[in-house]
Amino acid sequence: MISHRERRVGTAAEREAHRVFKAVKAKEALTDYAKAQKALHDNRERLKAERLAREGEAAKRAKADEAG
């Protein structure tokens, strides 16, 4: 048996509200994505700075060992 559903036609106000809320949801999703990307970038920069500091300390120790 085939079920036929009639598509409910909304009023102009309902269509307008749906359009506005759809845009807001899309903006929120983009905002969440941007926040995640910023967190990823900040974490990568922090790790890079820590790595460079460790490498700098290792180079200083190597020079001190050669001289001493």
N, C-alpha and C. Protein backbone atom coordinates (compact mmCIF):
# COMPACT_ATOMS: atom_id res chain seq x y z
N MET A 1 0.84 -1.17 0.00
CA MET A 1 0.00 0.00 0.00
C MET A 1 0.89 1.24 0.00
N ILE A 2 0.57 2.17 -0.81
CA ILE A 2 1.33 3.40 -0.93
C ILE A 2 0.68 4.47 -0.07
N SER A 3 1.51 5.11 0.72
CA SER A 3 1.02 6.17 1.58
C SER A 3 1.26 7.51 0.88
N HIS A 4 0.24 8.26 0.76
CA HIS A 4 0.35 9.58 0.14
C HIS A 4 0.27 10.63 1.24
N ARG A 5 1.27 11.44 1.28
CA ARG A 5 1.25 12.54 2.23
C ARG A 5 1.18 13.83 1.45
N GLU A 6 0.32 14.66 1.89
CA GLU A 6 0.23 15.97 1.25
C GLU A 6 1.26 16.88 1.89
N ARG A 7 1.93 17.60 1.07
CA ARG A 7 2.90 18.55 1.58
C ARG A 7 2.16 19.76 2.11
N ARG A 8 2.47 20.11 3.35
CA ARG A 8 1.79 21.23 3.98
C ARG A 8 2.40 22.52 3.46
N VAL A 9 1.59 23.36 2.97
CA VAL A 9 2.05 24.65 2.47
C VAL A 9 1.97 25.63 3.63
N GLY A 10 3.12 26.19 4.01
CA GLY A 10 3.15 27.12 5.12
C GLY A 10 2.71 28.51 4.71
N THR A 11 2.42 29.27 5.69
CA THR A 11 2.05 30.66 5.41
C THR A 11 3.31 31.44 5.06
N ALA A 12 3.11 32.62 4.59
CA ALA A 12 4.25 33.46 4.22
C ALA A 12 5.13 33.73 5.44
N ALA A 13 4.51 33.92 6.59
CA ALA A 13 5.27 34.17 7.82
C ALA A 13 6.08 32.94 8.21
N GLU A 14 5.51 31.75 8.06
CA GLU A 14 6.24 30.52 8.38
C GLU A 14 7.42 30.32 7.44
N ARG A 15 7.21 30.59 6.17
CA ARG A 15 8.30 30.46 5.20
C ARG A 15 9.42 31.45 5.51
N GLU A 16 9.05 32.67 5.86
CA GLU A 16 10.05 33.69 6.19
C GLU A 16 10.81 33.29 7.46
N ALA A 17 10.10 32.80 8.47
CA ALA A 17 10.76 32.37 9.71
C ALA A 17 11.71 31.22 9.43
N HIS A 18 11.29 30.28 8.60
CA HIS A 18 12.14 29.14 8.26
C HIS A 18 13.41 29.62 7.55
N ARG A 19 13.26 30.56 6.65
CA ARG A 19 14.40 31.09 5.91
C ARG A 19 15.39 31.77 6.86
N VAL A 20 14.88 32.56 7.79
CA VAL A 20 15.73 33.28 8.73
C VAL A 20 16.45 32.31 9.66
N PHE A 21 15.71 31.34 10.22
CA PHE A 21 16.33 30.39 11.14
C PHE A 21 17.34 29.50 10.43
N LYS A 22 17.08 29.19 9.18
CA LYS A 22 18.03 28.38 8.42
C LYS A 22 19.36 29.13 8.27
N ALA A 23 19.29 30.42 8.02
CA ALA A 23 20.50 31.23 7.89
C ALA A 23 21.25 31.31 9.22
N VAL A 24 20.52 31.42 10.32
CA VAL A 24 21.15 31.50 11.64
C VAL A 24 21.86 30.20 11.96
N LYS A 25 21.23 29.06 11.66
CA LYS A 25 21.86 27.76 11.92
C LYS A 25 23.13 27.60 11.10
N ALA A 26 23.10 28.05 9.86
CA ALA A 26 24.29 27.96 9.02
C ALA A 26 25.41 28.83 9.58
N LYS A 27 25.07 30.01 10.06
CA LYS A 27 26.08 30.90 10.63
C LYS A 27 26.68 30.29 11.90
N GLU A 28 25.83 29.65 12.74
CA GLU A 28 26.33 29.00 13.95
C GLU A 28 27.29 27.88 13.60
N ALA A 29 26.96 27.11 12.57
CA ALA A 29 27.84 26.01 12.17
C ALA A 29 29.18 26.56 11.69
N LEU A 30 29.15 27.62 10.94
CA LEU A 30 30.39 28.23 10.46
C LEU A 30 31.18 28.78 11.64
N THR A 31 30.50 29.37 12.60
CA THR A 31 31.17 29.90 13.78
C THR A 31 31.84 28.77 14.55
N ASP A 32 31.16 27.64 14.72
CA ASP A 32 31.75 26.49 15.41
C ASP A 32 32.98 26.00 14.65
N TYR A 33 32.90 25.96 13.34
CA TYR A 33 34.02 25.52 12.52
C TYR A 33 35.20 26.48 12.70
N ALA A 34 34.92 27.76 12.67
CA ALA A 34 35.99 28.76 12.82
C ALA A 34 36.64 28.65 14.19
N LYS A 35 35.84 28.40 15.23
CA LYS A 35 36.40 28.24 16.57
C LYS A 35 37.31 27.02 16.63
N ALA A 36 36.89 25.94 16.03
CA ALA A 36 37.70 24.72 16.02
C ALA A 36 39.00 24.94 15.26
N GLN A 37 38.92 25.64 14.14
CA GLN A 37 40.12 25.92 13.36
C GLN A 37 41.09 26.83 14.12
N LYS A 38 40.55 27.82 14.83
CA LYS A 38 41.41 28.71 15.61
C LYS A 38 42.08 27.94 16.74
N ALA A 39 41.34 27.07 17.41
CA ALA A 39 41.92 26.27 18.49
C ALA A 39 43.02 25.37 17.96
N LEU A 40 42.79 24.78 16.80
CA LEU A 40 43.80 23.92 16.19
C LEU A 40 45.06 24.71 15.85
N HIS A 41 44.87 25.88 15.25
CA HIS A 41 46.00 26.73 14.88
C HIS A 41 46.78 27.18 16.12
N ASP A 42 46.06 27.62 17.15
CA ASP A 42 46.72 28.08 18.37
C ASP A 42 47.52 26.95 19.02
N ASN A 43 46.95 25.76 19.06
CA ASN A 43 47.63 24.61 19.66
C ASN A 43 48.88 24.27 18.86
N ARG A 44 48.78 24.29 17.54
CA ARG A 44 49.93 23.99 16.69
C ARG A 44 51.05 25.01 16.91
N GLU A 45 50.69 26.29 17.02
CA GLU A 45 51.69 27.33 17.27
C GLU A 45 52.35 27.15 18.64
N ARG A 46 51.57 26.78 19.65
CA ARG A 46 52.12 26.55 20.98
C ARG A 46 53.11 25.39 20.95
N LEU A 47 52.73 24.30 20.31
CA LEU A 47 53.61 23.14 20.22
C LEU A 47 54.88 23.47 19.44
N LYS A 48 54.75 24.27 18.40
CA LYS A 48 55.92 24.66 17.61
C LYS A 48 56.88 25.49 18.46
N ALA A 49 56.34 26.42 19.24
CA ALA A 49 57.18 27.25 20.10
C ALA A 49 57.90 26.39 21.14
N GLU A 50 57.18 25.42 21.71
CA GLU A 50 57.82 24.52 22.68
C GLU A 50 58.92 23.70 22.03
N ARG A 51 58.68 23.21 20.83
CA ARG A 51 59.68 22.41 20.13
C ARG A 51 60.92 23.24 19.82
N LEU A 52 60.72 24.46 19.33
CA LEU A 52 61.85 25.32 19.02
C LEU A 52 62.65 25.66 20.28
N ALA A 53 61.96 25.85 21.40
CA ALA A 53 62.66 26.14 22.65
C ALA A 53 63.50 24.93 23.08
N ARG A 54 62.94 23.73 22.95
CA ARG A 54 63.70 22.52 23.30
C ARG A 54 64.91 22.36 22.39
N GLU A 55 64.72 22.59 21.10
CA GLU A 55 65.83 22.46 20.16
C GLU A 55 66.91 23.51 20.44
N GLY A 56 66.52 24.70 20.82
CA GLY A 56 67.48 25.75 21.17
C GLY A 56 68.29 25.37 22.40
N GLU A 57 67.62 24.83 23.40
CA GLU A 57 68.31 24.39 24.61
C GLU A 57 69.27 23.25 24.30
N ALA A 58 68.86 22.33 23.46
CA ALA A 58 69.72 21.20 23.08
C ALA A 58 70.95 21.71 22.33
N ALA A 59 70.78 22.70 21.48
CA ALA A 59 71.91 23.26 20.73
C ALA A 59 72.88 23.96 21.69
N LYS A 60 72.34 24.69 22.67
CA LYS A 60 73.20 25.36 23.66
C LYS A 60 73.99 24.33 24.46
N ARG A 61 73.32 23.25 24.87
CA ARG A 61 74.01 22.20 25.63
C ARG A 61 75.10 21.54 24.79
N ALA A 62 74.82 21.33 23.51
CA ALA A 62 75.80 20.70 22.62
C ALA A 62 77.03 21.61 22.46
N LYS A 63 76.81 22.92 22.32
CA LYS A 63 77.94 23.86 22.22
C LYS A 63 78.74 23.89 23.51
N ALA A 64 78.04 23.86 24.64
CA ALA A 64 78.72 23.89 25.94
C ALA A 64 79.55 22.63 26.13
N ASP A 65 79.02 21.49 25.70
CA ASP A 65 79.75 20.22 25.82
C ASP A 65 81.00 20.22 24.93
N GLU A 66 80.90 20.80 23.75
CA GLU A 66 82.05 20.87 22.84
C GLU A 66 83.13 21.79 23.39
N ALA A 67 82.72 22.90 23.97
CA ALA A 67 83.67 23.89 24.50
C ALA A 67 84.26 23.42 25.83
N GLY A 68 83.51 22.67 26.58
CA GLY A 68 83.93 22.34 27.93
C GLY A 68 84.54 21.04 28.05
